[in-house]
Protein backbone atom coordinates (compact mmCIF):
# COMPACT_ATOMS: atom_id res chain seq x y z
CA MET A 1 18.03 2.89 8.47
CA PRO A 2 17.33 3.35 4.79
CA VAL A 3 15.53 0.58 2.94
CA ARG A 4 16.49 -0.64 -0.46
CA THR A 5 15.49 -3.14 -3.29
CA PRO A 6 16.95 -6.58 -2.73
CA ASP A 7 19.39 -7.50 -4.79
CA PRO A 8 21.03 -10.71 -5.92
CA ASP A 9 24.07 -11.83 -3.65
CA PRO A 10 27.92 -10.64 -4.42
CA GLU A 11 28.02 -14.10 -6.86
CA GLU A 12 25.55 -12.57 -8.95
CA LEU A 13 26.87 -9.09 -8.99
CA PRO A 14 29.17 -8.84 -11.97
CA ASP A 15 26.32 -10.41 -13.94
CA GLU A 16 25.34 -7.25 -14.99
CA PRO A 17 24.29 -5.40 -18.50
CA ARG A 18 27.48 -3.25 -19.63
CA LEU A 19 27.06 0.26 -20.08
CA PRO A 20 26.44 1.57 -23.67
CA SER A 21 29.02 3.13 -24.91
CA ASP A 22 27.50 7.26 -24.78
CA LEU A 23 27.55 6.42 -20.85
CA GLY A 24 31.46 5.33 -20.74
CA ALA A 25 31.95 1.70 -21.01
CA SER A 26 34.17 0.20 -23.36
CA GLY A 27 32.56 -2.31 -24.73
CA ILE A 28 35.23 -4.79 -25.25
CA GLY A 29 38.19 -6.41 -22.30
CA ALA A 30 37.46 -7.06 -19.09
CA VAL A 31 35.98 -5.42 -16.33
CA PRO A 32 37.70 -4.04 -13.90
CA GLY A 33 36.89 -5.18 -10.52
CA GLY A 34 34.26 -7.49 -12.15
CA SER A 35 33.79 -10.45 -14.65
CA SER A 36 36.04 -10.87 -18.02
CA ASN A 37 32.71 -10.99 -19.59
CA PRO A 38 32.40 -7.59 -21.81
CA GLY A 39 28.26 -7.88 -20.85
CA TRP A 40 28.36 -7.06 -17.05
CA LEU A 41 28.90 -4.10 -15.44
CA SER A 42 31.72 -3.91 -12.43
CA GLU A 43 29.64 -2.48 -8.83
CA PHE A 44 31.20 0.88 -9.96
CA GLU A 45 29.70 1.24 -13.30
CA LEU A 46 26.30 -0.22 -11.73
CA GLU A 47 26.60 2.56 -9.42
CA SER A 48 27.15 4.82 -11.79
CA VAL A 49 23.95 4.01 -14.73
CA ARG A 50 21.77 3.94 -11.26
CA ARG A 51 22.25 7.50 -10.30
CA ARG A 52 21.34 7.95 -14.94
CA LEU A 53 19.16 4.91 -15.46
CA PRO A 54 15.47 3.57 -14.08
CA MET A 55 16.47 -0.37 -13.38
CA LEU A 56 14.41 -2.77 -14.43
CA TYR A 57 13.34 -5.79 -11.34
CA VAL A 58 11.11 -8.63 -10.89
CA GLU A 59 9.79 -9.46 -7.66
CA ALA A 60 7.32 -12.29 -6.63
CA VAL A 61 4.69 -13.46 -4.03
CA PRO A 62 5.00 -16.67 -3.22
CA VAL A 63 1.98 -18.53 -2.13
CA ARG A 64 0.60 -22.14 -1.82
CA THR A 65 -2.70 -23.34 -3.27
CA ASP A 66 -6.08 -25.75 -1.87
CA GLY A 67 -7.04 -27.82 -4.67
CA VAL A 68 -9.12 -25.08 -6.08
CA GLY A 69 -6.08 -22.98 -5.97
CA GLN A 70 -7.41 -20.87 -3.77
CA VAL A 71 -4.49 -19.25 -1.61
CA THR A 72 -3.94 -20.54 1.37
CA ASP A 73 0.04 -19.03 2.67
CA VAL A 74 1.84 -16.78 1.95
CA GLY A 75 5.70 -16.77 1.59
CA ILE A 76 7.95 -14.12 3.43
CA LEU A 77 11.33 -14.21 3.25
CA LEU A 78 13.68 -13.02 6.18
CA ARG A 79 16.83 -11.31 5.02
CA SER A 80 20.22 -10.52 6.94
CA THR A 81 22.12 -6.96 5.31
CA SER A 82 25.56 -6.55 5.16
CA MET A 83 25.15 -4.18 8.13
CA GLY A 84 23.94 -7.63 9.81
CA ASP A 85 20.79 -6.09 10.00
CA LEU A 86 17.39 -8.22 9.59
CA LYS A 87 14.33 -7.56 7.82
CA ARG A 88 11.67 -8.98 6.01
CA THR A 89 11.07 -9.23 2.23
CA ILE A 90 9.66 -10.92 -0.72
CA VAL A 91 12.26 -12.28 -4.18
CA SER A 92 13.27 -9.53 -5.77
CA GLY A 93 15.81 -9.05 -8.09
CA ARG A 94 17.09 -7.18 -11.42
CA VAL A 95 16.49 -8.58 -14.73
CA ARG A 96 19.96 -9.27 -16.82
CA TYR A 97 20.59 -7.99 -20.11
CA GLY A 98 19.33 -10.47 -22.87
CA GLU A 99 17.31 -12.18 -19.92
CA THR A 100 13.77 -12.81 -20.13
CA VAL A 101 11.58 -11.84 -17.89
CA ARG A 102 10.33 -15.37 -16.91
CA ASP A 103 13.92 -16.37 -16.72
CA ALA A 104 14.67 -13.44 -14.31
CA LEU A 105 11.34 -14.28 -12.06
CA PHE A 106 12.77 -18.03 -12.29
CA ARG A 107 15.99 -17.32 -11.32
CA HIS A 108 15.56 -15.42 -8.59
CA LEU A 109 12.74 -17.71 -7.07
CA GLU A 110 15.14 -20.70 -7.35
CA ASN A 111 17.77 -18.52 -5.82
CA ASP A 112 16.14 -17.53 -3.12
CA LEU A 113 13.90 -20.57 -2.18
CA GLY A 114 16.10 -23.10 -4.00
CA PRO A 115 15.93 -25.21 -6.76
CA MET A 116 13.31 -27.81 -5.17
CA ALA A 117 10.59 -25.10 -4.40
CA PHE A 118 9.11 -26.19 -7.93
CA PRO A 119 7.44 -22.61 -8.63
CA LEU A 120 4.61 -23.06 -11.03
CA LEU A 121 5.17 -19.81 -14.04
CA PRO A 122 3.40 -19.56 -17.04
CA PRO A 123 4.67 -19.58 -20.46
CA GLN A 124 4.43 -15.90 -20.63
CA PRO A 125 3.76 -14.71 -16.55
CA THR A 126 1.45 -11.28 -16.16
CA PRO A 127 2.51 -9.21 -13.49
CA PHE A 128 0.12 -8.48 -11.33
CA THR A 129 1.02 -4.28 -10.53
CA VAL A 130 3.96 -2.38 -11.90
CA ALA A 131 5.76 -0.73 -8.97
CA GLU A 132 7.76 2.39 -9.10
CA TYR A 133 10.94 2.65 -6.09
CA PHE A 134 12.09 5.96 -6.19
CA PRO A 135 15.08 7.50 -4.36
CA ILE A 136 12.66 10.25 -2.90
CA PRO A 137 10.49 8.80 -0.08
CA GLY A 138 6.52 9.88 -1.10
CA VAL A 139 6.44 9.66 -4.59
CA THR A 140 5.13 6.42 -4.50
CA ALA A 141 3.88 3.74 -1.35
CA PHE A 142 7.38 1.98 -2.72
CA HIS A 143 11.14 3.64 -1.52
CA ASP A 144 14.78 2.84 -2.26
CA ASP A 145 17.23 5.34 -1.63
CA ARG A 146 19.38 4.59 -4.06
CA GLN A 147 17.97 4.73 -7.63
CA HIS A 148 15.30 4.89 -9.42
CA ALA A 149 14.07 1.03 -9.73
CA VAL A 150 10.89 -0.23 -12.14
CA SER A 151 9.58 -3.70 -10.81
CA LEU A 152 7.07 -6.30 -12.29
CA ALA A 153 5.45 -7.82 -9.57
CA PHE A 154 4.18 -11.57 -9.70
CA VAL A 155 2.17 -13.63 -7.48
CA VAL A 156 4.14 -17.41 -8.26
CA PRO A 157 2.21 -20.27 -6.99
CA VAL A 158 4.94 -23.01 -5.45
CA THR A 159 4.54 -26.47 -4.79
CA GLY A 160 7.60 -28.36 -3.41
CA THR A 161 10.03 -28.00 -0.83
CA CYS A 162 11.15 -24.41 -0.10
CA GLU A 163 15.04 -23.91 1.57
CA PRO A 164 15.87 -20.40 1.65
CA ARG A 165 19.92 -19.66 0.49
CA GLN A 166 22.09 -17.02 -0.32
CA ASP A 167 20.79 -13.95 2.23
CA ALA A 168 17.64 -15.45 2.84
CA LEU A 169 17.85 -16.84 5.89
CA GLU A 170 14.09 -18.60 5.93
CA VAL A 171 10.78 -18.56 4.57
CA THR A 172 7.98 -17.89 6.81
CA TRP A 173 4.52 -19.30 5.61
CA MET A 174 1.58 -17.18 7.15
CA PRO A 175 -2.18 -16.91 6.26
CA PRO A 176 -3.25 -14.24 4.16
CA GLU A 177 -5.29 -12.33 6.99
CA GLU A 178 -1.40 -12.53 8.40
CA ALA A 179 0.57 -11.54 5.47
CA ALA A 180 -1.88 -8.02 5.09
CA SER A 181 -1.48 -7.03 8.88
CA ASP A 182 -0.19 -3.77 9.85
CA THR A 183 2.15 -5.36 11.65
CA LEU A 184 3.44 -7.45 9.21
CA ALA A 185 4.19 -4.44 6.96
CA ALA A 186 5.54 -2.26 8.88
CA GLU A 187 8.59 -4.71 9.21
CA MET A 188 8.17 -4.89 5.49
CA GLU A 189 11.44 -3.27 3.56
CA GLY A 190 10.49 -0.38 0.54
CA GLY A 191 6.81 -0.48 1.40
CA ARG A 192 6.95 -4.06 0.34
CA GLY A 193 3.37 -4.53 2.84
CA SER A 194 1.65 -2.37 0.16
CA LEU A 195 2.60 -4.59 -2.43
CA ILE A 196 1.41 -8.03 -0.34
CA ARG A 197 -1.66 -6.84 0.04
CA MET A 198 -1.98 -5.40 -3.58
CA ALA A 199 -0.61 -9.28 -4.63
CA LEU A 200 -3.77 -11.13 -2.22
CA ALA A 201 -6.29 -8.93 -3.91
CA SER A 202 -5.63 -9.36 -7.15
CA VAL A 203 -5.78 -13.57 -6.87
CA GLY A 204 -9.09 -13.00 -4.42
CA ALA A 205 -7.55 -13.87 -1.19
CA LEU A 206 -8.83 -10.76 1.05
CA ARG A 207 -11.93 -11.01 2.44
């Protein structure tokens, strides 16, 4: 089964940057099959962009911390695909045209974990790594059969109540050792088991 970089749900699909004129977009008027806002891409245009340009994503590893800031639990999402399959993953999604990385990160955290998750985001979040997803397996540890995607990955503490919504069915909180295990890595899509380990190592949560 191919693995993919998660995208927003259908409500968000029109919220994509329109193609520059040299890639064939009209630049004005309604988007066929999409939003009437000329700043967004239709699904057809998005597919065309993916064949020509890297796509920018943000990804977040949600964590809970104790009183001294040590990671005690890692939040892993369970998603349902359009084919009805279940997969383990993390918070992830595209950055919109004109949107700051921080705003994109907050939006996807709220979309996946609910408005009461209360993520702690600094004014200028710094990624713990930049992950590159290629459509050809083996180029890097990460794979997405649709596209070349560049992802800024963050560890984000959350302090509130998480109520997954949209295509996120549930969030499972587990200790760092379990989140970094080979067992979980085998269930993660696109090589994200490696990303979880890198995230935990970046905050000193792996022994």
